Amino acid sequence: MRTTSGILHRALCILLCLSLPACAVSRSTVIESGYKLDTIKLCRNYLKDQELIQKHAITEAMETHEIAAVAEKETDEERQYAHVLALQMRVRSLNEASCDQVVDDQNGKIAAGIAVGILAVGAVAAATHNSSNNYAPSPYSGYSNSYAWDQFYGSGESLQWRCRNKTNDQLTSDFNCGGTSRIDTT
């Protein structure tokens, strides 16, 4: 049986893994495989580093083949990165507004996923807590002083809990003790 802290740790790790695709990638990754990058990663890099495109004077007036030529033969990593980034934005017909929309959409999905994950972690923690505190949930809200939990050794010398009718000392359905803490008062 897993502990509450173990379950919470695992759930937090899963949430972290879900959010990792939301990060921008390295310059070298863009240079080496810019055409293979997901649009979301390309957009995250563009929004993070769009000033580099301006810094290296890559304008809308430049032809796509001019940008590609510089990107292919450039040796300065920053300059090459800026040209590859600009080239991929151009060939995919992306711009700042479309990248903002793509990133906002993904951020919304990540936030929703994290919210669901947090709710699930809370539910697991509550279920784990309730299962370990000797509380027996009841499908009805009535309570009778005629029944109480009894703990005794059963077959195989194992401790077990059963509900006992206090008026006749007979075992009865555990349903009758539902909603009460498992404390042996008989």
C-alpha atoms as a PDB file:
ATOM      1  CA  MET A   1       0.000   0.000   0.000  1.00  0.00           C
ATOM      2  CA  ARG A   2       1.347   3.416  -0.933  1.00  0.00           C
ATOM      3  CA  THR A   3       1.653   6.184   1.608  1.00  0.00           C
ATOM      4  CA  THR A   4      -0.069   9.511   1.101  1.00  0.00           C
ATOM      5  CA  SER A   5       3.270  11.275   0.642  1.00  0.00           C
ATOM      6  CA  GLY A   6       4.335   8.683  -1.961  1.00  0.00           C
ATOM      7  CA  ILE A   7       1.127   9.171  -3.917  1.00  0.00           C
ATOM      8  CA  LEU A   8       1.432  12.948  -3.728  1.00  0.00           C
ATOM      9  CA  HIS A   9       5.068  12.782  -4.862  1.00  0.00           C
ATOM     10  CA  ARG A  10       4.161  10.635  -7.862  1.00  0.00           C
ATOM     11  CA  ALA A  11       1.267  12.925  -8.814  1.00  0.00           C
ATOM     12  CA  LEU A  12       3.480  16.023  -8.619  1.00  0.00           C
ATOM     13  CA  CYS A  13       6.088  14.325 -10.818  1.00  0.00           C
ATOM     14  CA  ILE A  14       3.400  13.558 -13.392  1.00  0.00           C
ATOM     15  CA  LEU A  15       2.229  17.190 -13.337  1.00  0.00           C
ATOM     16  CA  LEU A  16       5.786  18.391 -13.844  1.00  0.00           C
ATOM     17  CA  CYS A  17       6.263  16.035 -16.785  1.00  0.00           C
ATOM     18  CA  LEU A  18       3.064  17.343 -18.366  1.00  0.00           C
ATOM     19  CA  SER A  19       4.310  20.911 -18.202  1.00  0.00           C
ATOM     20  CA  LEU A  20       7.789  20.246 -19.655  1.00  0.00           C
ATOM     21  CA  PRO A  21       6.703  20.376 -23.329  1.00  0.00           C
ATOM     22  CA  ALA A  22       5.757  23.998 -22.672  1.00  0.00           C
ATOM     23  CA  CYS A  23       9.385  25.126 -22.558  1.00  0.00           C
ATOM     24  CA  ALA A  24      11.376  26.743 -25.311  1.00  0.00           C
ATOM     25  CA  VAL A  25      14.231  24.669 -26.735  1.00  0.00           C
ATOM     26  CA  SER A  26      17.926  25.502 -26.947  1.00  0.00           C
ATOM     27  CA  ARG A  27      19.439  27.563 -29.748  1.00  0.00           C
ATOM     28  CA  SER A  28      21.417  24.566 -30.974  1.00  0.00           C
ATOM     29  CA  THR A  29      18.219  22.504 -31.222  1.00  0.00           C
ATOM     30  CA  VAL A  30      16.585  25.201 -33.340  1.00  0.00           C
ATOM     31  CA  ILE A  31      19.674  25.415 -35.565  1.00  0.00           C
ATOM     32  CA  GLU A  32      20.013  21.639 -35.985  1.00  0.00           C
ATOM     33  CA  SER A  33      16.377  20.722 -36.451  1.00  0.00           C
ATOM     34  CA  GLY A  34      14.334  23.891 -36.863  1.00  0.00           C
ATOM     35  CA  TYR A  35      12.187  22.393 -39.609  1.00  0.00           C
ATOM     36  CA  LYS A  36      11.324  19.415 -37.377  1.00  0.00           C
ATOM     37  CA  LEU A  37      10.284  21.493 -34.353  1.00  0.00           C
ATOM     38  CA  ASP A  38       6.689  21.552 -33.199  1.00  0.00           C
ATOM     39  CA  THR A  39       5.015  24.855 -33.888  1.00  0.00           C
ATOM     40  CA  ILE A  40       4.543  25.423 -30.158  1.00  0.00           C
ATOM     41  CA  LYS A  41       8.282  25.108 -29.451  1.00  0.00           C
ATOM     42  CA  LEU A  42       9.140  27.338 -32.370  1.00  0.00           C
ATOM     43  CA  CYS A  43       6.637  29.933 -31.158  1.00  0.00           C
ATOM     44  CA  ARG A  44       7.932  29.809 -27.601  1.00  0.00           C
ATOM     45  CA  ASN A  45      11.463  30.436 -28.881  1.00  0.00           C
ATOM     46  CA  TYR A  46      10.263  33.213 -31.159  1.00  0.00           C
ATOM     47  CA  LEU A  47       8.367  34.990 -28.395  1.00  0.00           C
ATOM     48  CA  LYS A  48      11.371  34.637 -26.089  1.00  0.00           C
ATOM     49  CA  ASP A  49      14.009  35.747 -28.652  1.00  0.00           C
ATOM     50  CA  GLN A  50      12.237  37.865 -31.264  1.00  0.00           C
ATOM     51  CA  GLU A  51      14.528  40.801 -30.471  1.00  0.00           C
ATOM     52  CA  LEU A  52      17.425  38.792 -31.956  1.00  0.00           C
ATOM     53  CA  ILE A  53      15.680  38.806 -35.339  1.00  0.00           C
ATOM     54  CA  GLN A  54      15.472  42.584 -35.146  1.00  0.00           C
ATOM     55  CA  LYS A  55      19.048  42.848 -33.841  1.00  0.00           C
ATOM     56  CA  HIS A  56      20.391  40.982 -36.879  1.00  0.00           C
ATOM     57  CA  ALA A  57      18.322  43.100 -39.276  1.00  0.00           C
ATOM     58  CA  ILE A  58      16.116  40.317 -40.559  1.00  0.00           C
ATOM     59  CA  THR A  59      13.150  42.153 -42.042  1.00  0.00           C
ATOM     60  CA  GLU A  60       9.940  41.316 -43.873  1.00  0.00           C
ATOM     61  CA  ALA A  61      11.550  42.798 -46.999  1.00  0.00           C
ATOM     62  CA  MET A  62      14.159  40.030 -47.103  1.00  0.00           C
ATOM     63  CA  GLU A  63      13.432  37.129 -49.418  1.00  0.00           C
ATOM     64  CA  THR A  64      13.033  33.686 -47.877  1.00  0.00           C
ATOM     65  CA  HIS A  65      15.994  32.336 -49.864  1.00  0.00           C
ATOM     66  CA  GLU A  66      18.216  35.157 -48.517  1.00  0.00           C
ATOM     67  CA  ILE A  67      17.357  34.259 -44.940  1.00  0.00           C
ATOM     68  CA  ALA A  68      17.940  30.561 -45.688  1.00  0.00           C
ATOM     69  CA  ALA A  69      21.322  31.255 -47.275  1.00  0.00           C
ATOM     70  CA  VAL A  70      22.553  33.173 -44.240  1.00  0.00           C
ATOM     71  CA  ALA A  71      21.145  30.550 -41.870  1.00  0.00           C
ATOM     72  CA  GLU A  72      22.977  27.779 -43.722  1.00  0.00           C
ATOM     73  CA  LYS A  73      26.454  29.318 -43.875  1.00  0.00           C
ATOM     74  CA  GLU A  74      26.523  31.509 -40.746  1.00  0.00           C
ATOM     75  CA  THR A  75      29.094  30.501 -38.127  1.00  0.00           C
ATOM     76  CA  ASP A  76      28.088  32.822 -35.286  1.00  0.00           C
ATOM     77  CA  GLU A  77      25.564  30.811 -33.232  1.00  0.00           C
ATOM     78  CA  GLU A  78      23.376  33.746 -32.220  1.00  0.00           C
ATOM     79  CA  ARG A  79      23.173  35.076 -35.769  1.00  0.00           C
ATOM     80  CA  GLN A  80      22.540  31.612 -37.226  1.00  0.00           C
ATOM     81  CA  TYR A  81      19.860  30.939 -34.597  1.00  0.00           C
ATOM     82  CA  ALA A  82      18.103  34.222 -35.396  1.00  0.00           C
ATOM     83  CA  HIS A  83      18.086  33.412 -39.133  1.00  0.00           C
ATOM     84  CA  VAL A  84      16.838  29.838 -38.658  1.00  0.00           C
ATOM     85  CA  LEU A  85      14.143  31.110 -36.299  1.00  0.00           C
ATOM     86  CA  ALA A  86      13.090  33.818 -38.773  1.00  0.00           C
ATOM     87  CA  LEU A  87      13.159  31.339 -41.660  1.00  0.00           C
ATOM     88  CA  GLN A  88      10.927  28.831 -39.858  1.00  0.00           C
ATOM     89  CA  MET A  89       8.508  31.566 -38.861  1.00  0.00           C
ATOM     90  CA  ARG A  90       8.342  32.705 -42.491  1.00  0.00           C
ATOM     91  CA  VAL A  91       7.873  29.280 -44.119  1.00  0.00           C
ATOM     92  CA  ARG A  92       5.176  28.357 -41.595  1.00  0.00           C
ATOM     93  CA  SER A  93       3.405  31.710 -42.032  1.00  0.00           C
ATOM     94  CA  LEU A  94       3.655  32.437 -38.319  1.00  0.00           C
ATOM     95  CA  ASN A  95       3.862  35.834 -36.673  1.00  0.00           C
ATOM     96  CA  GLU A  96       3.779  37.260 -33.172  1.00  0.00           C
ATOM     97  CA  ALA A  97      -0.040  37.230 -32.967  1.00  0.00           C
ATOM     98  CA  SER A  98      -0.386  33.641 -34.147  1.00  0.00           C
ATOM     99  CA  CYS A  99       2.371  32.523 -31.779  1.00  0.00           C
ATOM    100  CA  ASP A 100       0.712  34.341 -28.886  1.00  0.00           C
ATOM    101  CA  GLN A 101      -2.498  32.421 -29.663  1.00  0.00           C
ATOM    102  CA  VAL A 102      -0.738  29.030 -29.922  1.00  0.00           C
ATOM    103  CA  VAL A 103       1.129  29.586 -26.649  1.00  0.00           C
ATOM    104  CA  ASP A 104      -1.975  30.891 -24.840  1.00  0.00           C
ATOM    105  CA  ASP A 105      -3.945  27.826 -25.975  1.00  0.00           C
ATOM    106  CA  GLN A 106      -1.267  25.454 -24.706  1.00  0.00           C
ATOM    107  CA  ASN A 107      -0.887  27.353 -21.438  1.00  0.00           C
ATOM    108  CA  GLY A 108      -4.651  27.053 -20.918  1.00  0.00           C
ATOM    109  CA  LYS A 109      -4.520  23.304 -21.487  1.00  0.00           C
ATOM    110  CA  ILE A 110      -1.577  22.943 -19.129  1.00  0.00           C
ATOM    111  CA  ALA A 111      -3.346  25.008 -16.456  1.00  0.00           C
ATOM    112  CA  ALA A 112      -6.494  22.899 -16.838  1.00  0.00           C
ATOM    113  CA  GLY A 113      -4.428  19.718 -16.630  1.00  0.00           C
ATOM    114  CA  ILE A 114      -2.661  20.923 -13.512  1.00  0.00           C
ATOM    115  CA  ALA A 115      -6.000  21.888 -11.915  1.00  0.00           C
ATOM    116  CA  VAL A 116      -7.416  18.437 -12.650  1.00  0.00           C
ATOM    117  CA  GLY A 117      -4.203  16.891 -11.334  1.00  0.00           C
ATOM    118  CA  ILE A 118      -4.389  18.879  -8.109  1.00  0.00           C
ATOM    119  CA  LEU A 119      -8.006  17.817  -7.624  1.00  0.00           C
ATOM    120  CA  ALA A 120      -7.051  14.196  -8.270  1.00  0.00           C
ATOM    121  CA  VAL A 121      -4.150  14.427  -5.812  1.00  0.00           C
ATOM    122  CA  GLY A 122      -6.532  15.878  -3.222  1.00  0.00           C
ATOM    123  CA  ALA A 123      -9.045  13.095  -3.807  1.00  0.00           C
ATOM    124  CA  VAL A 124      -6.355  10.421  -3.503  1.00  0.00           C
ATOM    125  CA  ALA A 125      -4.993  12.020  -0.346  1.00  0.00           C
ATOM    126  CA  ALA A 126      -8.472  12.214   1.176  1.00  0.00           C
ATOM    127  CA  ALA A 127      -9.243   8.610   0.232  1.00  0.00           C
ATOM    128  CA  THR A 128      -5.929   7.434   1.625  1.00  0.00           C
ATOM    129  CA  HIS A 129      -6.500   9.407   4.827  1.00  0.00           C
ATOM    130  CA  ASN A 130     -10.035   8.035   5.249  1.00  0.00           C
ATOM    131  CA  SER A 131      -8.937   4.467   4.599  1.00  0.00           C
ATOM    132  CA  SER A 132      -6.270   4.653   7.289  1.00  0.00           C
ATOM    133  CA  ASN A 133      -8.199   6.321  10.095  1.00  0.00           C
ATOM    134  CA  ASN A 134     -10.465   3.364  10.958  1.00  0.00           C
ATOM    135  CA  TYR A 135     -13.577   5.227   9.894  1.00  0.00           C
ATOM    136  CA  ALA A 136     -16.305   3.164   8.299  1.00  0.00           C
ATOM    137  CA  PRO A 137     -18.410   5.248   5.928  1.00  0.00           C
ATOM    138  CA  SER A 138     -22.134   4.678   6.004  1.00  0.00           C
ATOM    139  CA  PRO A 139     -24.617   4.804   3.140  1.00  0.00           C
ATOM    140  CA  TYR A 140     -27.209   6.178   5.551  1.00  0.00           C
ATOM    141  CA  SER A 141     -27.045   8.957   8.075  1.00  0.00           C
ATOM    142  CA  GLY A 142     -28.943   7.247  10.897  1.00  0.00           C
ATOM    143  CA  TYR A 143     -27.063   6.191  13.989  1.00  0.00           C
ATOM    144  CA  SER A 144     -28.139   3.769  16.673  1.00  0.00           C
ATOM    145  CA  ASN A 145     -26.606   3.196  20.076  1.00  0.00           C
ATOM    146  CA  SER A 146     -27.631  -0.445  19.709  1.00  0.00           C
ATOM    147  CA  TYR A 147     -24.579  -1.314  17.614  1.00  0.00           C
ATOM    148  CA  ALA A 148     -20.844  -0.974  18.164  1.00  0.00           C
ATOM    149  CA  TRP A 149     -17.604  -2.122  16.603  1.00  0.00           C
ATOM    150  CA  ASP A 150     -15.898  -5.134  18.128  1.00  0.00           C
ATOM    151  CA  GLN A 151     -12.310  -6.125  17.408  1.00  0.00           C
ATOM    152  CA  PHE A 152     -11.289  -9.710  17.995  1.00  0.00           C
ATOM    153  CA  TYR A 153      -9.029 -12.465  16.713  1.00  0.00           C
ATOM    154  CA  GLY A 154     -10.626 -14.391  13.893  1.00  0.00           C
ATOM    155  CA  SER A 155      -9.523 -17.487  12.065  1.00  0.00           C
ATOM    156  CA  GLY A 156      -5.813 -17.663  11.444  1.00  0.00           C
ATOM    157  CA  GLU A 157      -5.144 -15.471  14.499  1.00  0.00           C
ATOM    158  CA  SER A 158      -5.748 -12.255  12.558  1.00  0.00           C
ATOM    159  CA  LEU A 159      -7.418  -9.222  14.070  1.00  0.00           C
ATOM    160  CA  GLN A 160     -10.703  -8.267  12.489  1.00  0.00           C
ATOM    161  CA  TRP A 161     -13.430  -5.706  12.993  1.00  0.00           C
ATOM    162  CA  ARG A 162     -17.117  -6.658  13.073  1.00  0.00           C
ATOM    163  CA  CYS A 163     -20.268  -4.898  14.092  1.00  0.00           C
ATOM    164  CA  ARG A 164     -22.021  -6.283  17.196  1.00  0.00           C
ATOM    165  CA  ASN A 165     -25.596  -5.783  18.394  1.00  0.00           C
ATOM    166  CA  LYS A 166     -25.143  -4.504  21.944  1.00  0.00           C
ATOM    167  CA  THR A 167     -28.570  -5.646  23.104  1.00  0.00           C
ATOM    168  CA  ASN A 168     -28.064  -9.348  22.335  1.00  0.00           C
ATOM    169  CA  ASP A 169     -24.240  -9.469  21.884  1.00  0.00           C
ATOM    170  CA  GLN A 170     -24.616 -11.071  18.444  1.00  0.00           C
ATOM    171  CA  LEU A 171     -22.551 -10.133  15.385  1.00  0.00           C
ATOM    172  CA  THR A 172     -24.563  -8.261  12.798  1.00  0.00           C
ATOM    173  CA  SER A 173     -24.046  -6.651   9.405  1.00  0.00           C
ATOM    174  CA  ASP A 174     -21.197  -4.117   9.376  1.00  0.00           C
ATOM    175  CA  PHE A 175     -23.718  -1.817   7.702  1.00  0.00           C
ATOM    176  CA  ASN A 176     -25.292  -1.217  11.104  1.00  0.00           C
ATOM    177  CA  CYS A 177     -22.064   0.311  12.468  1.00  0.00           C
ATOM    178  CA  GLY A 178     -21.435   2.432   9.373  1.00  0.00           C
ATOM    179  CA  GLY A 179     -20.658   6.054  10.052  1.00  0.00           C
ATOM    180  CA  THR A 180     -18.981   5.381  13.379  1.00  0.00           C
ATOM    181  CA  SER A 181     -15.312   5.180  14.257  1.00  0.00           C
ATOM    182  CA  ARG A 182     -13.873   1.716  14.731  1.00  0.00           C
ATOM    183  CA  ILE A 183     -13.350   1.749  18.463  1.00  0.00           C
ATOM    184  CA  ASP A 184     -13.900  -1.427  20.459  1.00  0.00           C
ATOM    185  CA  THR A 185     -16.408  -0.485  23.172  1.00  0.00           C
ATOM    186  CA  THR A 186     -18.044  -3.907  23.510  1.00  0.00           C
END
